[in-house]
Amino acid sequence: MHVTVKAFAGFREVMPREIAVGVPERATVGDLLDILTDRYPGLGAALFIDGGELRPYVNILKSGRNIHFTGGFATPLADGDIVTLFPPAAGG
């Protein structure tokens, strides 16, 4: 199955703006992140702090819903899902 991954702001420095990624059946967001961090050096450091915890204020959405509210890294993926990566933002 395939999902689309969209990267915004600083994540575009380490990966393309939008890509289609093949994932196995029953894959989770965590599985997808493993694939992406293996494929794009620097993405893991941009997403995670030591120990594999998501950096504060990094938001990952699956089809418009923050994975924080849908099971975190265990959130299941379905064919055609859109996963969006938003880095921390600051300014004013």
PDB file of N, CA and C in Angstrom:
ATOM      1  N   MET A   1       0.858  -1.178   0.000  1.00  0.00           N
ATOM      2  CA  MET A   1       0.000   0.000   0.000  1.00  0.00           C
ATOM      3  C   MET A   1       0.892   1.225   0.000  1.00  0.00           C
ATOM      4  N   HIS A   2       0.312   2.356  -0.366  1.00  0.00           N
ATOM      5  CA  HIS A   2       1.076   3.598  -0.459  1.00  0.00           C
ATOM      6  C   HIS A   2       0.428   4.708   0.363  1.00  0.00           C
ATOM      7  N   VAL A   3       1.275   5.507   0.966  1.00  0.00           N
ATOM      8  CA  VAL A   3       0.828   6.715   1.655  1.00  0.00           C
ATOM      9  C   VAL A   3       1.616   7.886   1.085  1.00  0.00           C
ATOM     10  N   THR A   4       1.059   9.059   1.206  1.00  0.00           N
ATOM     11  CA  THR A   4       1.737  10.279   0.788  1.00  0.00           C
ATOM     12  C   THR A   4       2.264  10.971   2.027  1.00  0.00           C
ATOM     13  N   VAL A   5       3.505  11.417   1.955  1.00  0.00           N
ATOM     14  CA  VAL A   5       4.111  12.153   3.064  1.00  0.00           C
ATOM     15  C   VAL A   5       4.397  13.564   2.578  1.00  0.00           C
ATOM     16  N   LYS A   6       3.919  14.546   3.331  1.00  0.00           N
ATOM     17  CA  LYS A   6       4.171  15.948   3.034  1.00  0.00           C
ATOM     18  C   LYS A   6       5.019  16.540   4.152  1.00  0.00           C
ATOM     19  N   ALA A   7       6.077  17.235   3.757  1.00  0.00           N
ATOM     20  CA  ALA A   7       6.989  17.842   4.728  1.00  0.00           C
ATOM     21  C   ALA A   7       6.910  19.358   4.617  1.00  0.00           C
ATOM     22  N   PHE A   8       6.915  20.017   5.746  1.00  0.00           N
ATOM     23  CA  PHE A   8       6.832  21.473   5.773  1.00  0.00           C
ATOM     24  C   PHE A   8       8.047  22.074   6.457  1.00  0.00           C
ATOM     25  N   ALA A   9       8.301  23.326   6.108  1.00  0.00           N
ATOM     26  CA  ALA A   9       9.354  24.161   6.710  1.00  0.00           C
ATOM     27  C   ALA A   9      10.697  23.433   6.743  1.00  0.00           C
ATOM     28  N   GLY A  10      11.320  23.344   7.899  1.00  0.00           N
ATOM     29  CA  GLY A  10      12.661  22.804   8.027  1.00  0.00           C
ATOM     30  C   GLY A  10      12.809  21.356   7.603  1.00  0.00           C
ATOM     31  N   PHE A  11      11.739  20.579   7.646  1.00  0.00           N
ATOM     32  CA  PHE A  11      11.835  19.189   7.207  1.00  0.00           C
ATOM     33  C   PHE A  11      12.150  19.087   5.720  1.00  0.00           C
ATOM     34  N   ARG A  12      11.830  20.123   4.967  1.00  0.00           N
ATOM     35  CA  ARG A  12      12.129  20.126   3.527  1.00  0.00           C
ATOM     36  C   ARG A  12      13.626  20.198   3.260  1.00  0.00           C
ATOM     37  N   GLU A  13      14.397  20.552   4.269  1.00  0.00           N
ATOM     38  CA  GLU A  13      15.856  20.585   4.103  1.00  0.00           C
ATOM     39  C   GLU A  13      16.456  19.184   4.088  1.00  0.00           C
ATOM     40  N   VAL A  14      15.739  18.190   4.626  1.00  0.00           N
ATOM     41  CA  VAL A  14      16.277  16.834   4.699  1.00  0.00           C
ATOM     42  C   VAL A  14      15.483  15.813   3.882  1.00  0.00           C
ATOM     43  N   MET A  15      14.352  16.217   3.327  1.00  0.00           N
ATOM     44  CA  MET A  15      13.545  15.306   2.514  1.00  0.00           C
ATOM     45  C   MET A  15      12.710  16.111   1.518  1.00  0.00           C
ATOM     46  N   PRO A  16      12.156  15.453   0.501  1.00  0.00           N
ATOM     47  CA  PRO A  16      11.324  16.176  -0.463  1.00  0.00           C
ATOM     48  C   PRO A  16      10.053  16.738   0.175  1.00  0.00           C
ATOM     49  N   ARG A  17       9.489  17.711  -0.498  1.00  0.00           N
ATOM     50  CA  ARG A  17       8.252  18.359  -0.037  1.00  0.00           C
ATOM     51  C   ARG A  17       7.098  17.364   0.027  1.00  0.00           C
ATOM     52  N   GLU A  18       6.997  16.493  -0.970  1.00  0.00           N
ATOM     53  CA  GLU A  18       5.915  15.514  -1.007  1.00  0.00           C
ATOM     54  C   GLU A  18       6.408  14.260  -1.713  1.00  0.00           C
ATOM     55  N   ILE A  19       6.167  13.110  -1.079  1.00  0.00           N
ATOM     56  CA  ILE A  19       6.586  11.840  -1.676  1.00  0.00           C
ATOM     57  C   ILE A  19       5.530  10.772  -1.425  1.00  0.00           C
ATOM     58  N   ALA A  20       5.493   9.789  -2.301  1.00  0.00           N
ATOM     59  CA  ALA A  20       4.682   8.588  -2.091  1.00  0.00           C
ATOM     60  C   ALA A  20       5.614   7.519  -1.533  1.00  0.00           C
ATOM     61  N   VAL A  21       5.169   6.845  -0.498  1.00  0.00           N
ATOM     62  CA  VAL A  21       5.989   5.832   0.161  1.00  0.00           C
ATOM     63  C   VAL A  21       5.204   4.529   0.228  1.00  0.00           C
ATOM     64  N   GLY A  22       5.835   3.452  -0.227  1.00  0.00           N
ATOM     65  CA  GLY A  22       5.230   2.133  -0.083  1.00  0.00           C
ATOM     66  C   GLY A  22       5.485   1.607   1.318  1.00  0.00           C
ATOM     67  N   VAL A  23       4.432   1.149   1.955  1.00  0.00           N
ATOM     68  CA  VAL A  23       4.541   0.572   3.302  1.00  0.00           C
ATOM     69  C   VAL A  23       3.823  -0.772   3.305  1.00  0.00           C
ATOM     70  N   PRO A  24       4.233  -1.687   4.184  1.00  0.00           N
ATOM     71  CA  PRO A  24       3.561  -2.980   4.251  1.00  0.00           C
ATOM     72  C   PRO A  24       2.137  -2.852   4.792  1.00  0.00           C
ATOM     73  N   GLU A  25       1.320  -3.848   4.484  1.00  0.00           N
ATOM     74  CA  GLU A  25      -0.016  -3.910   5.077  1.00  0.00           C
ATOM     75  C   GLU A  25       0.113  -3.884   6.592  1.00  0.00           C
ATOM     76  N   ARG A  26      -0.830  -3.283   7.251  1.00  0.00           N
ATOM     77  CA  ARG A  26      -0.858  -3.151   8.722  1.00  0.00           C
ATOM     78  C   ARG A  26       0.271  -2.281   9.263  1.00  0.00           C
ATOM     79  N   ALA A  27       0.868  -1.454   8.422  1.00  0.00           N
ATOM     80  CA  ALA A  27       1.927  -0.548   8.884  1.00  0.00           C
ATOM     81  C   ALA A  27       1.335   0.529   9.776  1.00  0.00           C
ATOM     82  N   THR A  28       2.186   1.059  10.634  1.00  0.00           N
ATOM     83  CA  THR A  28       1.804   2.139  11.537  1.00  0.00           C
ATOM     84  C   THR A  28       2.593   3.394  11.183  1.00  0.00           C
ATOM     85  N   VAL A  29       2.240   4.490  11.812  1.00  0.00           N
ATOM     86  CA  VAL A  29       3.004   5.718  11.639  1.00  0.00           C
ATOM     87  C   VAL A  29       4.451   5.482  12.071  1.00  0.00           C
ATOM     88  N   GLY A  30       4.663   4.738  13.130  1.00  0.00           N
ATOM     89  CA  GLY A  30       6.016   4.423  13.579  1.00  0.00           C
ATOM     90  C   GLY A  30       6.807   3.669  12.516  1.00  0.00           C
ATOM     91  N   ASP A  31       6.161   2.717  11.838  1.00  0.00           N
ATOM     92  CA  ASP A  31       6.821   1.986  10.752  1.00  0.00           C
ATOM     93  C   ASP A  31       7.209   2.938   9.632  1.00  0.00           C
ATOM     94  N   LEU A  32       6.300   3.839   9.289  1.00  0.00           N
ATOM     95  CA  LEU A  32       6.582   4.826   8.248  1.00  0.00           C
ATOM     96  C   LEU A  32       7.759   5.710   8.633  1.00  0.00           C
ATOM     97  N   LEU A  33       7.798   6.152   9.879  1.00  0.00           N
ATOM     98  CA  LEU A  33       8.910   6.998  10.333  1.00  0.00           C
ATOM     99  C   LEU A  33      10.235   6.240  10.283  1.00  0.00           C
ATOM    100  N   ASP A  34      10.213   4.947  10.575  1.00  0.00           N
ATOM    101  CA  ASP A  34      11.431   4.132  10.449  1.00  0.00           C
ATOM    102  C   ASP A  34      11.911   4.125   9.000  1.00  0.00           C
ATOM    103  N   ILE A  35      10.996   3.949   8.067  1.00  0.00           N
ATOM    104  CA  ILE A  35      11.343   3.948   6.641  1.00  0.00           C
ATOM    105  C   ILE A  35      11.934   5.299   6.245  1.00  0.00           C
ATOM    106  N   LEU A  36      11.276   6.366   6.658  1.00  0.00           N
ATOM    107  CA  LEU A  36      11.725   7.710   6.276  1.00  0.00           C
ATOM    108  C   LEU A  36      13.079   8.062   6.877  1.00  0.00           C
ATOM    109  N   THR A  37      13.287   7.724   8.150  1.00  0.00           N
ATOM    110  CA  THR A  37      14.566   8.083   8.781  1.00  0.00           C
ATOM    111  C   THR A  37      15.712   7.255   8.218  1.00  0.00           C
ATOM    112  N   ASP A  38      15.434   6.033   7.760  1.00  0.00           N
ATOM    113  CA  ASP A  38      16.464   5.241   7.076  1.00  0.00           C
ATOM    114  C   ASP A  38      16.800   5.835   5.717  1.00  0.00           C
ATOM    115  N   ARG A  39      15.794   6.349   5.042  1.00  0.00           N
ATOM    116  CA  ARG A  39      15.960   6.867   3.680  1.00  0.00           C
ATOM    117  C   ARG A  39      16.573   8.258   3.648  1.00  0.00           C
ATOM    118  N   TYR A  40      16.271   9.093   4.631  1.00  0.00           N
ATOM    119  CA  TYR A  40      16.696  10.498   4.609  1.00  0.00           C
ATOM    120  C   TYR A  40      17.559  10.827   5.826  1.00  0.00           C
ATOM    121  N   PRO A  41      18.886  10.795   5.635  1.00  0.00           N
ATOM    122  CA  PRO A  41      19.786  11.140   6.748  1.00  0.00           C
ATOM    123  C   PRO A  41      19.461  12.542   7.286  1.00  0.00           C
ATOM    124  N   GLY A  42      19.472  12.668   8.568  1.00  0.00           N
ATOM    125  CA  GLY A  42      19.170  13.951   9.199  1.00  0.00           C
ATOM    126  C   GLY A  42      17.722  14.078   9.639  1.00  0.00           C
ATOM    127  N   LEU A  43      16.834  13.281   9.066  1.00  0.00           N
ATOM    128  CA  LEU A  43      15.424  13.384   9.450  1.00  0.00           C
ATOM    129  C   LEU A  43      15.204  12.902  10.876  1.00  0.00           C
ATOM    130  N   GLY A  44      15.885  11.825  11.255  1.00  0.00           N
ATOM    131  CA  GLY A  44      15.726  11.308  12.613  1.00  0.00           C
ATOM    132  C   GLY A  44      16.101  12.340  13.658  1.00  0.00           C
ATOM    133  N   ALA A  45      17.213  13.040  13.426  1.00  0.00           N
ATOM    134  CA  ALA A  45      17.644  14.071  14.374  1.00  0.00           C
ATOM    135  C   ALA A  45      16.671  15.244  14.402  1.00  0.00           C
ATOM    136  N   ALA A  46      16.033  15.510  13.277  1.00  0.00           N
ATOM    137  CA  ALA A  46      15.060  16.608  13.217  1.00  0.00           C
ATOM    138  C   ALA A  46      13.753  16.245  13.930  1.00  0.00           C
ATOM    139  N   LEU A  47      13.403  14.958  13.919  1.00  0.00           N
ATOM    140  CA  LEU A  47      12.140  14.512  14.518  1.00  0.00           C
ATOM    141  C   LEU A  47      12.246  14.150  15.992  1.00  0.00           C
ATOM    142  N   PHE A  48      13.355  13.504  16.369  1.00  0.00           N
ATOM    143  CA  PHE A  48      13.433  12.865  17.677  1.00  0.00           C
ATOM    144  C   PHE A  48      14.552  13.415  18.548  1.00  0.00           C
ATOM    145  N   ILE A  49      14.299  13.374  19.864  1.00  0.00           N
ATOM    146  CA  ILE A  49      15.363  13.616  20.831  1.00  0.00           C
ATOM    147  C   ILE A  49      15.906  12.248  21.238  1.00  0.00           C
ATOM    148  N   ASP A  50      16.965  12.219  22.027  1.00  0.00           N
ATOM    149  CA  ASP A  50      17.544  10.946  22.455  1.00  0.00           C
ATOM    150  C   ASP A  50      16.472  10.053  23.060  1.00  0.00           C
ATOM    151  N   GLY A  51      16.563   8.770  22.741  1.00  0.00           N
ATOM    152  CA  GLY A  51      15.595   7.816  23.270  1.00  0.00           C
ATOM    153  C   GLY A  51      14.393   7.613  22.373  1.00  0.00           C
ATOM    154  N   GLY A  52      14.337   8.287  21.245  1.00  0.00           N
ATOM    155  CA  GLY A  52      13.253   8.079  20.295  1.00  0.00           C
ATOM    156  C   GLY A  52      11.981   8.856  20.574  1.00  0.00           C
ATOM    157  N   GLU A  53      12.030   9.774  21.518  1.00  0.00           N
ATOM    158  CA  GLU A  53      10.852  10.588  21.829  1.00  0.00           C
ATOM    159  C   GLU A  53      10.744  11.722  20.807  1.00  0.00           C
ATOM    160  N   LEU A  54       9.528  11.970  20.351  1.00  0.00           N
ATOM    161  CA  LEU A  54       9.289  13.045  19.396  1.00  0.00           C
ATOM    162  C   LEU A  54       9.660  14.386  20.014  1.00  0.00           C
ATOM    163  N   ARG A  55      10.355  15.201  19.246  1.00  0.00           N
ATOM    164  CA  ARG A  55      10.745  16.524  19.749  1.00  0.00           C
ATOM    165  C   ARG A  55       9.498  17.321  20.127  1.00  0.00           C
ATOM    166  N   PRO A  56       9.609  18.144  21.180  1.00  0.00           N
ATOM    167  CA  PRO A  56       8.465  18.971  21.564  1.00  0.00           C
ATOM    168  C   PRO A  56       8.014  19.845  20.402  1.00  0.00           C
ATOM    169  N   TYR A  57       6.746  19.970  20.261  1.00  0.00           N
ATOM    170  CA  TYR A  57       6.103  20.825  19.263  1.00  0.00           C
ATOM    171  C   TYR A  57       6.184  20.307  17.836  1.00  0.00           C
ATOM    172  N   VAL A  58       6.826  19.150  17.592  1.00  0.00           N
ATOM    173  CA  VAL A  58       6.737  18.534  16.271  1.00  0.00           C
ATOM    174  C   VAL A  58       5.362  17.902  16.187  1.00  0.00           C
ATOM    175  N   ASN A  59       4.661  18.187  15.118  1.00  0.00           N
ATOM    176  CA  ASN A  59       3.331  17.625  14.925  1.00  0.00           C
ATOM    177  C   ASN A  59       3.328  16.720  13.705  1.00  0.00           C
ATOM    178  N   ILE A  60       2.741  15.542  13.883  1.00  0.00           N
ATOM    179  CA  ILE A  60       2.565  14.601  12.791  1.00  0.00           C
ATOM    180  C   ILE A  60       1.069  14.356  12.665  1.00  0.00           C
ATOM    181  N   LEU A  61       0.558  14.615  11.477  1.00  0.00           N
ATOM    182  CA  LEU A  61      -0.862  14.426  11.223  1.00  0.00           C
ATOM    183  C   LEU A  61      -1.064  13.283  10.250  1.00  0.00           C
ATOM    184  N   LYS A  62      -2.056  12.456  10.514  1.00  0.00           N
ATOM    185  CA  LYS A  62      -2.465  11.409   9.589  1.00  0.00           C
ATOM    186  C   LYS A  62      -3.841  11.797   9.076  1.00  0.00           C
ATOM    187  N   SER A  63      -3.895  12.101   7.807  1.00  0.00           N
ATOM    188  CA  SER A  63      -5.153  12.510   7.178  1.00  0.00           C
ATOM    189  C   SER A  63      -5.853  13.607   7.989  1.00  0.00           C
ATOM    190  N   GLY A  64      -5.054  14.583   8.438  1.00  0.00           N
ATOM    191  CA  GLY A  64      -5.584  15.761   9.103  1.00  0.00           C
ATOM    192  C   GLY A  64      -5.727  15.667  10.610  1.00  0.00           C
ATOM    193  N   ARG A  65      -5.475  14.507  11.195  1.00  0.00           N
ATOM    194  CA  ARG A  65      -5.611  14.359  12.651  1.00  0.00           C
ATOM    195  C   ARG A  65      -4.254  14.133  13.285  1.00  0.00           C
ATOM    196  N   ASN A  66      -3.983  14.843  14.365  1.00  0.00           N
ATOM    197  CA  ASN A  66      -2.713  14.712  15.066  1.00  0.00           C
ATOM    198  C   ASN A  66      -2.616  13.313  15.664  1.00  0.00           C
ATOM    199  N   ILE A  67      -1.494  12.630  15.395  1.00  0.00           N
ATOM    200  CA  ILE A  67      -1.348  11.257  15.898  1.00  0.00           C
ATOM    201  C   ILE A  67      -1.300  11.193  17.421  1.00  0.00           C
ATOM    202  N   HIS A  68      -1.050  12.322  18.051  1.00  0.00           N
ATOM    203  CA  HIS A  68      -1.076  12.368  19.512  1.00  0.00           C
ATOM    204  C   HIS A  68      -2.429  11.905  20.042  1.00  0.00           C
ATOM    205  N   PHE A  69      -3.486  12.118  19.251  1.00  0.00           N
ATOM    206  CA  PHE A  69      -4.850  11.780  19.678  1.00  0.00           C
ATOM    207  C   PHE A  69      -5.369  10.494  19.042  1.00  0.00           C
ATOM    208  N   THR A  70      -4.558   9.833  18.211  1.00  0.00           N
ATOM    209  CA  THR A  70      -5.041   8.647  17.494  1.00  0.00           C
ATOM    210  C   THR A  70      -4.196   7.403  17.738  1.00  0.00           C
ATOM    211  N   GLY A  71      -3.343   7.432  18.754  1.00  0.00           N
ATOM    212  CA  GLY A  71      -2.534   6.257  19.059  1.00  0.00           C
ATOM    213  C   GLY A  71      -1.044   6.466  18.932  1.00  0.00           C
ATOM    214  N   GLY A  72      -0.623   7.698  18.678  1.00  0.00           N
ATOM    215  CA  GLY A  72       0.807   7.980  18.581  1.00  0.00           C
ATOM    216  C   GLY A  72       1.458   7.213  17.450  1.00  0.00           C
ATOM    217  N   PHE A  73       2.660   6.704  17.699  1.00  0.00           N
ATOM    218  CA  PHE A  73       3.393   5.968  16.675  1.00  0.00           C
ATOM    219  C   PHE A  73       2.677   4.677  16.276  1.00  0.00           C
ATOM    220  N   ALA A  74       1.768   4.175  17.117  1.00  0.00           N
ATOM    221  CA  ALA A  74       1.024   2.954  16.824  1.00  0.00           C
ATOM    222  C   ALA A  74      -0.206   3.214  15.947  1.00  0.00           C
ATOM    223  N   THR A  75      -0.429   4.465  15.545  1.00  0.00           N
ATOM    224  CA  THR A  75      -1.568   4.797  14.695  1.00  0.00           C
ATOM    225  C   THR A  75      -1.467   4.009  13.390  1.00  0.00           C
ATOM    226  N   PRO A  76      -2.495   3.226  13.065  1.00  0.00           N
ATOM    227  CA  PRO A  76      -2.438   2.425  11.840  1.00  0.00           C
ATOM    228  C   PRO A  76      -2.587   3.293  10.587  1.00  0.00           C
ATOM    229  N   LEU A  77      -1.935   2.847   9.526  1.00  0.00           N
ATOM    230  CA  LEU A  77      -2.030   3.523   8.232  1.00  0.00           C
ATOM    231  C   LEU A  77      -2.943   2.727   7.305  1.00  0.00           C
ATOM    232  N   ALA A  78      -3.572   3.443   6.387  1.00  0.00           N
ATOM    233  CA  ALA A  78      -4.397   2.816   5.356  1.00  0.00           C
ATOM    234  C   ALA A  78      -3.924   3.321   3.997  1.00  0.00           C
ATOM    235  N   ASP A  79      -4.163   2.530   2.986  1.00  0.00           N
ATOM    236  CA  ASP A  79      -3.779   2.921   1.638  1.00  0.00           C
ATOM    237  C   ASP A  79      -4.384   4.279   1.299  1.00  0.00           C
ATOM    238  N   GLY A  80      -3.550   5.180   0.812  1.00  0.00           N
ATOM    239  CA  GLY A  80      -4.015   6.506   0.425  1.00  0.00           C
ATOM    240  C   GLY A  80      -3.954   7.560   1.504  1.00  0.00           C
ATOM    241  N   ASP A  81      -3.564   7.182   2.716  1.00  0.00           N
ATOM    242  CA  ASP A  81      -3.444   8.177   3.783  1.00  0.00           C
ATOM    243  C   ASP A  81      -2.420   9.250   3.416  1.00  0.00           C
ATOM    244  N   ILE A  82      -2.602  10.416   4.003  1.00  0.00           N
ATOM    245  CA  ILE A  82      -1.647  11.512   3.879  1.00  0.00           C
ATOM    246  C   ILE A  82      -1.081  11.777   5.266  1.00  0.00           C
ATOM    247  N   VAL A  83       0.243  11.680   5.377  1.00  0.00           N
ATOM    248  CA  VAL A  83       0.926  11.951   6.643  1.00  0.00           C
ATOM    249  C   VAL A  83       1.705  13.233   6.470  1.00  0.00           C
ATOM    250  N   THR A  84       1.479  14.167   7.364  1.00  0.00           N
ATOM    251  CA  THR A  84       2.072  15.497   7.262  1.00  0.00           C
ATOM    252  C   THR A  84       3.002  15.730   8.441  1.00  0.00           C
ATOM    253  N   LEU A  85       4.205  16.239   8.144  1.00  0.00           N
ATOM    254  CA  LEU A  85       5.216  16.515   9.169  1.00  0.00           C
ATOM    255  C   LEU A  85       5.375  18.016   9.318  1.00  0.00           C
ATOM    256  N   PHE A  86       5.082  18.533  10.510  1.00  0.00           N
ATOM    257  CA  PHE A  86       5.226  19.952  10.813  1.00  0.00           C
ATOM    258  C   PHE A  86       6.289  20.129  11.882  1.00  0.00           C
ATOM    259  N   PRO A  87       7.356  20.877  11.611  1.00  0.00           N
ATOM    260  CA  PRO A  87       8.373  21.110  12.629  1.00  0.00           C
ATOM    261  C   PRO A  87       7.924  22.187  13.601  1.00  0.00           C
ATOM    262  N   PRO A  88       8.682  22.349  14.685  1.00  0.00           N
ATOM    263  CA  PRO A  88       8.367  23.433  15.598  1.00  0.00           C
ATOM    264  C   PRO A  88       8.435  24.773  14.862  1.00  0.00           C
ATOM    265  N   ALA A  89       7.592  25.670  15.260  1.00  0.00           N
ATOM    266  CA  ALA A  89       7.587  27.002  14.657  1.00  0.00           C
ATOM    267  C   ALA A  89       7.682  28.043  15.765  1.00  0.00           C
ATOM    268  N   ALA A  90       8.335  29.127  15.453  1.00  0.00           N
ATOM    269  CA  ALA A  90       8.452  30.213  16.408  1.00  0.00           C
ATOM    270  C   ALA A  90       8.362  31.523  15.647  1.00  0.00           C
ATOM    271  N   GLY A  91       8.069  32.517  16.349  1.00  0.00           N
ATOM    272  CA  GLY A  91       7.992  33.838  15.717  1.00  0.00           C
ATOM    273  C   GLY A  91       6.897  34.646  16.361  1.00  0.00           C
ATOM    274  N   GLY A  92       6.707  35.799  15.810  1.00  0.00           N
ATOM    275  CA  GLY A  92       5.671  36.582  16.436  1.00  0.00           C
ATOM    276  C   GLY A  92       5.391  37.843  15.768  1.00  0.00           C
TER     277      GLY A  92
END
